[in-house]
Each structure stands twice: as structure tokens, then as C-alpha cells.
Amino acid sequence: MKTMEVYDFIIQTIREAGDLLMRERKQRFGVMAKDGDPRNLVTSVDKKVNEFLISAIKDAYPSHDIYSEEGGGVENTGSPLWTIDPIDGTANFSRAIPHFAVCIGVLENGIPTAGGVYNPVTRELFSFQKGIGAFLNDEPVHVSEVMELSKAHVFFHAGRKKEVRDWGGESYRRLLGNVRKTSNFASSSLDACFVASGRIEANIYGTLSTLDIAPTLGILIEAGGVVAGANGGPVTFSKDPQRVYMANNRAILDAVTSLLETDQNN
């Protein structure tokens, strides 16, 4: 598979998906609870953008597998495997908060090789090609050079699951006493891109389905960042939720994981 050809397809398709999203955003759209959980939302726009992306990928690469958070793809684990999230940050989108994105990428042998994350409101398009670089609107981006946790700006999202509430509460307390700034913007793909582009130093999710945002982790790694799971272990690309730490460098990553994993019941 020619990476440049795939990359060009991603850039064109993600912009078209963003245009569709913005058109639909101007209309009345439905907001529904997903899987019976009123805190887990999906909109009719998610579904329309999802259908567009799946159709575009199937037309261009009919032999490839597709995984989508909203379903409708060919949910296999073959290679190449496309992974899409039509609106990452649906809760923000449903409330007219302009922090959400279309997310598209492709994995070969389980490794992200190209992808894009596009916020159609700000028209910021983050992208990467493995071994070539990470970009914001075609300009190279890189993680920040901050090495001390006390100087770091950190995004933290504990998650909704009951089993992470105690860990989340204690982790937030620890962060408040040890980092410069703690925020939560609630779009995992854009939040990770903020680490990749040097806007923040770390992004922490208590539960995250990494397959949904595999492209953004590719962007982060290509920009010089690092990723780890619970207790500093490896992260796998899976639809099963897991704890994920994203950081600009190993020093910040080690400091954050030590701070939040030590003496907590995980």
C-alpha cells in the first residue's frame, strides 16, 4: 500500500467529512443515548458522517477492513485496517462547544501508518505519515520541551465508569498539587493532538478505547511524544477501554505515571 497515496486520500476525505458535518450542524439534528447510557451520546450527524466515511473507504479500498466506533464497518482485525470516529467529542458537538473532530486513520500489522484529526470549526487539520512527520495544516509540529512536572499543563479525564471514580478523584487531587495547570476539554483525539503540537505536556484518560483514536496516537508518536498504559505498561490498539497516559517526553510520562499509580488500588 502506497503511504503517500493513502495519506492524500485521508486529507481529502477528512475535509469532505468535515464539510458535511458543518452543513448538518446547521440543521436540526437528533441526540440519543447510546447503549442506554444517558451520558454516552450519539447524534444523527455522527451517523451521517460515519456512513460517508465508510462508503468513501469502501469505494477506494474495497479489500481493506474498517472499524468504526459507531458501527457499520467490517469489524475484523485484518491488515490494512481503517479506524474512524465520525465525531470525537459528541457531547461537545451536541452542546455547540467547538472542540470536536473527525478522526480517520489506517493501521498496518497493528501499527498506525497514516491518519488525520480535523476540527472543522477551527479548520485545524492534524495529520501524520509514519516515518515522515506530524503536521498541522501541512506545517510540521513537535511536542514541547518542558521536562518538569511542576511546569506542565495537563489534561485529565477520569472517565464515567464506577470502578475508576476513586482513582480519578485521588488522581485529580494529586495533579492539583503537582502540575501547573489541569484542564479537561473532552475530545480525546484533539486533546492528544494538543500534546503533539506542544500546546500541553500530558493528556490522561482513565478509560479510553484506543482503536477509536489510533490515528491521533500516531500523530503524537510521530511528533516525538510517548504513550503508556496503566502502571507505565504498553498500550494496545483495542476497542476495549484501558488507561492511557500521553506525554511530550519520557521525563513527564514517568513523573505522571509515578504520581498517579503509586499507592493507589488499580
Protein backbone atom coordinates (compact mmCIF):
# COMPACT_ATOMS: atom_id res chain seq x y z
CA MET A 1 0.00 0.00 0.00
CA LYS A 2 1.45 3.37 -1.04
CA THR A 3 1.54 5.56 2.08
CA MET A 4 1.53 8.88 0.20
CA GLU A 5 -1.49 7.85 -1.86
CA VAL A 6 -3.34 6.80 1.30
CA TYR A 7 -2.32 9.99 3.08
CA ASP A 8 -3.66 12.15 0.25
CA PHE A 9 -6.92 10.19 0.36
CA ILE A 10 -7.19 10.77 4.12
CA ILE A 11 -6.62 14.52 3.80
CA GLN A 12 -9.22 14.91 1.05
CA THR A 13 -11.78 12.63 2.69
CA ILE A 14 -11.49 14.10 6.17
CA ARG A 15 -12.01 17.63 4.83
CA GLU A 16 -15.09 16.47 2.91
CA ALA A 17 -16.41 14.79 6.06
CA GLY A 18 -15.82 18.00 7.98
CA ASP A 19 -17.76 19.99 5.39
CA LEU A 20 -20.64 17.53 5.66
CA LEU A 21 -20.57 17.78 9.43
CA MET A 22 -20.74 21.57 9.31
CA ARG A 23 -23.68 21.53 6.89
CA GLU A 24 -25.58 19.09 9.07
CA ARG A 25 -24.70 21.10 12.18
CA LYS A 26 -26.82 23.98 10.84
CA GLN A 27 -29.90 21.75 10.66
CA ARG A 28 -31.98 20.29 13.45
CA PHE A 29 -30.37 17.01 14.48
CA GLY A 30 -31.28 14.26 16.90
CA VAL A 31 -29.33 13.48 20.08
CA MET A 32 -29.70 10.00 21.54
CA ALA A 33 -28.28 7.94 24.39
CA LYS A 34 -26.04 5.12 23.25
CA ASP A 35 -26.33 1.67 24.84
CA GLY A 36 -28.90 3.01 27.30
CA ASP A 37 -26.37 5.33 28.98
CA PRO A 38 -27.61 8.96 29.04
CA ARG A 39 -24.01 10.16 29.47
CA ASN A 40 -22.87 8.38 26.30
CA LEU A 41 -24.31 10.32 23.38
CA VAL A 42 -24.65 9.85 19.65
CA THR A 43 -26.29 12.22 17.17
CA SER A 44 -27.86 11.81 13.76
CA VAL A 45 -24.87 13.76 12.42
CA ASP A 46 -22.47 11.13 13.80
CA LYS A 47 -24.37 8.55 11.80
CA LYS A 48 -24.39 10.56 8.55
CA VAL A 49 -20.68 11.32 8.73
CA ASN A 50 -19.99 7.71 9.64
CA GLU A 51 -21.89 6.47 6.58
CA PHE A 52 -19.99 8.91 4.36
CA LEU A 53 -16.58 7.79 5.66
CA ILE A 54 -17.31 4.08 5.40
CA SER A 55 -18.62 4.50 1.85
CA ALA A 56 -15.57 6.53 0.79
CA ILE A 57 -13.13 3.97 2.21
CA LYS A 58 -15.00 1.02 0.71
CA ASP A 59 -15.02 2.68 -2.71
CA ALA A 60 -11.30 3.48 -2.62
CA TYR A 61 -10.04 0.37 -0.81
CA PRO A 62 -12.65 -2.39 -1.15
CA SER A 63 -10.37 -5.12 0.18
CA HIS A 64 -9.48 -3.28 3.41
CA ASP A 65 -11.14 -3.81 6.80
CA ILE A 66 -12.90 -0.97 8.61
CA TYR A 67 -13.54 -0.38 12.30
CA SER A 68 -15.87 2.43 13.37
CA GLU A 69 -16.88 3.47 16.87
CA GLU A 70 -20.43 3.98 15.57
CA GLY A 71 -20.58 0.64 13.77
CA GLY A 72 -21.35 -0.14 10.14
CA GLY A 73 -17.81 -1.10 9.20
CA VAL A 74 -16.28 -4.51 8.67
CA GLU A 75 -15.16 -5.21 12.22
CA ASN A 76 -12.22 -7.50 11.61
CA THR A 77 -8.59 -7.35 12.65
CA GLY A 78 -7.08 -7.76 9.22
CA SER A 79 -4.45 -5.57 7.64
CA PRO A 80 -4.77 -2.89 6.44
CA LEU A 81 -7.38 -1.83 8.99
CA TRP A 82 -9.10 1.55 8.79
CA THR A 83 -10.32 3.10 12.03
CA ILE A 84 -12.74 6.02 12.13
CA ASP A 85 -14.61 8.16 14.63
CA PRO A 86 -17.06 10.45 12.81
CA ILE A 87 -17.31 12.91 15.71
CA ASP A 88 -14.85 12.55 18.56
CA GLY A 89 -16.32 14.80 21.23
CA THR A 90 -20.01 14.23 20.51
CA ALA A 91 -21.08 15.72 23.85
CA ASN A 92 -19.26 18.95 22.95
CA PHE A 93 -20.77 18.90 19.45
CA SER A 94 -24.30 18.43 20.81
CA ARG A 95 -23.84 21.50 23.04
CA ALA A 96 -22.29 23.71 20.33
CA ILE A 97 -18.91 23.63 22.08
CA PRO A 98 -16.38 23.91 19.22
CA HIS A 99 -13.97 21.24 20.44
CA PHE A 100 -14.70 18.08 18.43
CA ALA A 101 -13.12 16.37 15.45
CA VAL A 102 -13.41 13.86 12.65
CA CYS A 103 -10.81 11.12 13.09
CA ILE A 104 -9.56 8.77 10.32
CA GLY A 105 -6.54 6.52 10.09
CA VAL A 106 -5.14 3.27 8.84
CA LEU A 107 -3.14 0.57 10.61
CA GLU A 108 -0.87 -1.99 9.00
CA ASN A 109 0.04 -5.03 11.08
CA GLY A 110 -1.45 -3.27 14.11
CA ILE A 111 0.63 -0.09 13.74
CA PRO A 112 -0.82 3.30 12.67
CA THR A 113 0.85 4.38 9.42
CA ALA A 114 -1.20 7.43 8.36
CA GLY A 115 -4.08 9.43 9.75
CA GLY A 116 -5.80 12.72 10.35
CA VAL A 117 -7.77 14.57 13.03
CA TYR A 118 -9.82 17.52 11.78
CA ASN A 119 -11.72 20.17 13.72
CA PRO A 120 -13.97 21.70 11.04
CA VAL A 121 -14.84 24.71 13.24
CA THR A 122 -11.26 25.93 13.70
CA ARG A 123 -10.20 24.28 10.40
CA GLU A 124 -7.21 22.77 12.14
CA LEU A 125 -6.15 19.53 10.48
CA PHE A 126 -3.60 17.44 12.37
CA SER A 127 -2.09 14.58 10.37
CA PHE A 128 0.85 12.20 10.13
CA GLN A 129 2.69 9.73 7.98
CA LYS A 130 4.79 7.16 9.80
CA GLY A 131 8.48 7.93 9.38
CA ILE A 132 7.81 11.26 7.67
CA GLY A 133 6.33 13.51 10.35
CA ALA A 134 3.35 15.05 12.10
CA PHE A 135 1.67 18.17 10.76
CA LEU A 136 -0.87 20.88 11.49
CA ASN A 137 -2.30 22.25 8.25
CA ASP A 138 0.81 20.99 6.39
CA GLU A 139 3.26 22.61 8.84
CA PRO A 140 5.43 20.30 10.97
CA VAL A 141 4.57 20.07 14.66
CA HIS A 142 6.54 18.78 17.62
CA VAL A 143 5.97 18.23 21.31
CA SER A 144 7.05 20.82 23.86
CA GLU A 145 10.44 20.69 25.59
CA VAL A 146 9.12 21.02 29.18
CA MET A 147 10.81 18.43 31.40
CA GLU A 148 9.46 19.29 34.87
CA LEU A 149 6.00 18.22 36.02
CA SER A 150 5.61 21.41 38.07
CA LYS A 151 5.76 23.38 34.80
CA ALA A 152 3.43 21.10 32.86
CA HIS A 153 -0.09 21.79 31.59
CA VAL A 154 -2.04 18.51 31.86
CA PHE A 155 -5.44 17.42 30.55
CA PHE A 156 -7.17 14.84 32.78
CA HIS A 157 -10.31 12.81 32.12
CA ALA A 158 -11.02 10.04 34.64
CA GLY A 159 -13.95 8.51 32.76
CA ARG A 160 -17.53 7.65 33.63
CA LYS A 161 -17.11 4.09 34.86
CA LYS A 162 -17.82 3.46 38.54
CA GLU A 163 -14.62 1.45 39.00
CA VAL A 164 -12.40 4.44 38.19
CA ARG A 165 -14.12 7.03 40.39
CA ASP A 166 -11.91 6.59 43.44
CA TRP A 167 -8.77 6.53 41.31
CA GLY A 168 -9.99 9.56 39.38
CA GLY A 169 -10.76 11.62 42.46
CA GLU A 170 -7.44 10.89 44.12
CA SER A 171 -5.54 11.40 40.85
CA TYR A 172 -7.11 14.81 40.33
CA ARG A 173 -6.17 15.82 43.86
CA ARG A 174 -2.57 14.77 43.24
CA LEU A 175 -2.41 16.61 39.93
CA LEU A 176 -3.72 19.82 41.51
CA GLY A 177 -0.79 19.80 43.91
CA ASN A 178 1.92 18.92 41.41
CA VAL A 179 1.30 20.42 37.97
CA ARG A 180 0.98 23.99 36.71
CA LYS A 181 -2.49 23.62 35.16
CA THR A 182 -5.15 20.92 34.92
CA SER A 183 -7.97 21.02 32.36
CA ASN A 184 -10.41 18.72 30.55
CA PHE A 185 -11.59 19.62 27.05
CA ALA A 186 -13.33 16.26 26.37
CA SER A 187 -12.22 15.28 22.89
CA SER A 188 -9.58 12.58 23.27
CA SER A 189 -8.22 12.90 19.74
CA LEU A 190 -7.85 16.69 19.81
CA ASP A 191 -6.52 16.56 23.36
CA ALA A 192 -3.75 14.21 22.23
CA CYS A 193 -3.02 16.46 19.26
CA PHE A 194 -2.53 19.32 21.71
CA VAL A 195 0.29 17.28 23.27
CA ALA A 196 1.70 16.53 19.83
CA SER A 197 1.73 20.21 18.86
CA GLY A 198 3.32 21.44 22.09
CA ARG A 199 0.24 23.15 23.50
CA ILE A 200 0.17 20.95 26.59
CA GLU A 201 2.56 18.42 28.12
CA ALA A 202 0.31 15.47 29.02
CA ASN A 203 -3.13 14.02 28.42
CA ILE A 204 -4.52 11.32 30.73
CA TYR A 205 -7.61 9.17 30.20
CA GLY A 206 -8.79 6.74 32.87
CA THR A 207 -10.70 4.68 30.29
CA LEU A 208 -10.19 5.01 26.56
CA SER A 209 -10.86 2.79 23.55
CA THR A 210 -7.57 3.33 21.76
CA LEU A 211 -8.72 1.88 18.44
CA ASP A 212 -11.13 4.81 18.09
CA ILE A 213 -8.26 7.29 18.17
CA ALA A 214 -5.38 5.23 16.77
CA PRO A 215 -4.64 7.99 14.22
CA THR A 216 -4.13 10.60 16.92
CA LEU A 217 -1.72 8.36 18.81
CA GLY A 218 0.18 8.00 15.55
CA ILE A 219 0.34 11.80 15.32
CA LEU A 220 1.61 12.05 18.89
CA ILE A 221 4.33 9.46 18.43
CA GLU A 222 5.45 10.94 15.11
CA ALA A 223 5.66 14.37 16.81
CA GLY A 224 8.09 12.96 19.38
CA GLY A 225 5.64 12.10 22.14
CA VAL A 226 5.28 8.94 24.20
CA VAL A 227 2.33 6.79 25.31
CA ALA A 228 1.86 4.31 28.15
CA GLY A 229 -0.88 2.33 29.85
CA ALA A 230 -1.63 1.57 33.50
CA ASN A 231 1.49 1.32 35.67
CA GLY A 232 3.53 2.61 32.75
CA GLY A 233 2.96 -0.54 30.69
CA PRO A 234 2.39 -0.72 26.94
CA VAL A 235 -0.76 0.47 25.20
CA THR A 236 -2.50 -1.82 22.73
CA PHE A 237 -4.76 -0.68 19.91
CA SER A 238 -8.07 -2.13 21.02
CA LYS A 239 -11.76 -1.23 21.26
CA ASP A 240 -11.63 -2.38 24.90
CA PRO A 241 -11.23 0.59 27.31
CA GLN A 242 -7.88 0.98 29.03
CA ARG A 243 -5.98 3.63 30.98
CA VAL A 244 -3.81 5.78 28.74
CA TYR A 245 -1.08 8.30 29.52
CA MET A 246 0.18 10.57 26.73
CA ALA A 247 3.14 12.88 27.27
CA ASN A 248 5.62 15.08 25.45
CA ASN A 249 8.63 13.11 26.68
CA ARG A 250 9.73 10.25 28.91
CA ALA A 251 10.53 12.51 31.87
CA ILE A 252 6.97 13.88 32.05
CA LEU A 253 5.47 10.46 31.36
CA ASP A 254 7.46 8.81 34.17
CA ALA A 255 6.63 11.64 36.57
CA VAL A 256 2.90 11.46 35.81
CA THR A 257 2.62 7.67 35.99
CA SER A 258 4.59 7.60 39.24
CA LEU A 259 2.40 10.32 40.72
CA LEU A 260 -0.91 8.68 39.77
CA GLU A 261 -0.09 4.98 40.03
CA THR A 262 1.86 4.84 43.31
CA ASP A 263 -0.12 3.58 46.32
CA GLN A 264 -3.46 3.51 44.52
CA ASN A 265 -5.66 0.46 44.16
CA ASN A 266 -5.82 -0.06 40.40
